[in-house]
Amino acid sequence: MSLQGSCHCGAVKFEVQGTPESVMECNCSHCQRKGFKLWFVPETEFSLLQGADALTTYQFNKHVIDHQFCKTCGCQAFGRGHAEDGTSLYAVNVRCIENEDIDSIPVNKVDGRSF
């Protein structure tokens, strides 16, 4: 299944293949403030359709995740990073996917504050 998503102003648009079977909700200082519900997908399942020039990157803590957000509206629809095995992946904020019933997706809570 192909899902479409965007930032709030529409400058950044993306497509992701698959269906979120669960999402991660983290209580670290960053995720908690932004209210993310993240779905991790391999890089091969993610396509940036438009807006590469509208993105800027924020890094903190260990500087291993590229928290990318729209320069215009500030919305963070996804981030880029690597799994423990080194596989490139995207953390897609399911709140930015069009027509997705996010309340029906099981949530895995992660204690990122303790890392």
Protein backbone atom coordinates (compact mmCIF):
# COMPACT_ATOMS: atom_id res chain seq x y z
CA MET A 1 0.00 0.00 0.00
CA SER A 2 1.25 3.47 -0.87
CA LEU A 3 0.60 6.25 1.65
CA GLN A 4 1.01 9.98 1.02
CA GLY A 5 2.06 12.57 3.54
CA SER A 6 3.20 16.16 3.84
CA CYS A 7 4.19 18.96 6.15
CA HIS A 8 1.48 21.43 7.18
CA CYS A 9 2.03 23.97 4.38
CA GLY A 10 2.49 21.32 1.66
CA ALA A 11 6.01 22.36 0.65
CA VAL A 12 7.32 18.91 1.64
CA LYS A 13 5.53 15.84 0.29
CA PHE A 14 6.45 12.20 0.62
CA GLU A 15 5.24 8.70 -0.10
CA VAL A 16 5.82 5.60 1.98
CA GLN A 17 5.13 1.97 1.08
CA GLY A 18 3.41 -0.27 3.59
CA THR A 19 0.94 -0.02 6.44
CA PRO A 20 1.90 0.99 9.96
CA GLU A 21 1.25 -2.02 12.18
CA SER A 22 2.49 -0.12 15.23
CA VAL A 23 4.05 3.22 16.09
CA MET A 24 6.59 4.33 18.66
CA GLU A 25 5.83 7.04 21.17
CA CYS A 26 8.96 8.23 22.97
CA ASN A 27 9.22 10.34 26.12
CA CYS A 28 12.61 11.91 25.32
CA SER A 29 12.83 15.70 25.57
CA HIS A 30 12.35 16.10 21.79
CA CYS A 31 9.63 13.56 20.96
CA GLN A 32 7.50 14.36 23.98
CA ARG A 33 7.42 18.07 23.22
CA LYS A 34 6.42 17.45 19.60
CA GLY A 35 3.94 14.62 20.23
CA PHE A 36 5.41 12.28 17.64
CA LYS A 37 3.97 8.91 16.74
CA LEU A 38 6.76 7.34 14.68
CA TRP A 39 6.64 4.52 12.18
CA PHE A 40 10.05 3.21 11.18
CA VAL A 41 10.47 2.16 7.55
CA PRO A 42 13.51 1.11 5.50
CA GLU A 43 14.93 3.82 3.25
CA THR A 44 13.85 1.77 0.21
CA GLU A 45 10.18 2.18 1.23
CA PHE A 46 10.32 5.99 1.50
CA SER A 47 10.27 8.56 -1.33
CA LEU A 48 10.55 12.31 -0.99
CA LEU A 49 8.23 13.61 -3.72
CA GLN A 50 8.95 17.31 -3.34
CA GLY A 51 10.53 19.81 -1.01
CA ALA A 52 14.15 18.73 -0.54
CA ASP A 53 15.09 22.41 -0.74
CA ALA A 54 12.43 23.27 1.88
CA LEU A 55 13.95 20.97 4.53
CA THR A 56 16.38 21.82 7.26
CA THR A 57 17.94 19.46 9.80
CA TYR A 58 18.17 19.50 13.58
CA GLN A 59 20.44 17.16 15.54
CA PHE A 60 20.88 16.79 19.27
CA ASN A 61 22.26 14.42 21.90
CA LYS A 62 24.42 11.90 19.99
CA HIS A 63 23.87 13.62 16.59
CA VAL A 64 22.92 10.36 14.85
CA ILE A 65 19.39 11.23 13.76
CA ASP A 66 18.62 13.88 11.15
CA HIS A 67 15.41 15.43 12.46
CA GLN A 68 14.23 17.07 9.26
CA PHE A 69 11.57 19.74 9.19
CA CYS A 70 10.02 22.26 6.82
CA LYS A 71 11.68 25.69 6.87
CA THR A 72 8.32 27.36 6.16
CA CYS A 73 5.82 25.78 8.58
CA GLY A 74 8.18 24.02 11.00
CA CYS A 75 6.39 20.69 10.67
CA GLN A 76 8.54 17.59 11.13
CA ALA A 77 7.01 14.87 8.99
CA PHE A 78 9.97 12.48 9.20
CA GLY A 79 13.53 11.96 10.33
CA ARG A 80 16.43 9.93 8.96
CA GLY A 81 18.71 7.58 10.80
CA HIS A 82 20.06 4.04 11.02
CA ALA A 83 18.92 0.89 12.75
CA GLU A 84 21.32 -0.86 15.14
CA ASP A 85 22.48 -3.08 12.27
CA GLY A 86 23.37 0.00 10.18
CA THR A 87 20.36 -0.17 7.85
CA SER A 88 19.21 3.29 6.70
CA LEU A 89 15.67 4.09 7.76
CA TYR A 90 13.11 6.83 8.06
CA ALA A 91 11.07 7.61 11.15
CA VAL A 92 7.77 8.77 9.68
CA ASN A 93 5.50 10.88 11.85
CA VAL A 94 2.16 9.17 11.16
CA ARG A 95 0.37 12.37 12.19
CA CYS A 96 1.56 13.75 8.81
CA ILE A 97 0.13 10.91 6.69
CA GLU A 98 -3.06 11.80 4.84
CA ASN A 99 -6.26 9.95 5.75
CA GLU A 100 -4.59 7.67 8.32
CA ASP A 101 -6.64 6.64 11.36
CA ILE A 102 -3.77 7.05 13.81
CA ASP A 103 -5.91 6.20 16.84
CA SER A 104 -6.36 2.65 15.53
CA ILE A 105 -2.58 1.95 15.36
CA PRO A 106 -1.10 0.17 18.40
CA VAL A 107 1.42 2.33 20.30
CA ASN A 108 4.73 1.07 21.71
CA LYS A 109 5.91 3.41 24.45
CA VAL A 110 9.69 3.91 24.67
CA ASP A 111 11.54 5.41 27.63
CA GLY A 112 13.91 7.58 25.59
CA ARG A 113 14.40 9.87 28.56
CA SER A 114 16.52 7.16 30.20
CA PHE A 115 18.93 6.72 27.26
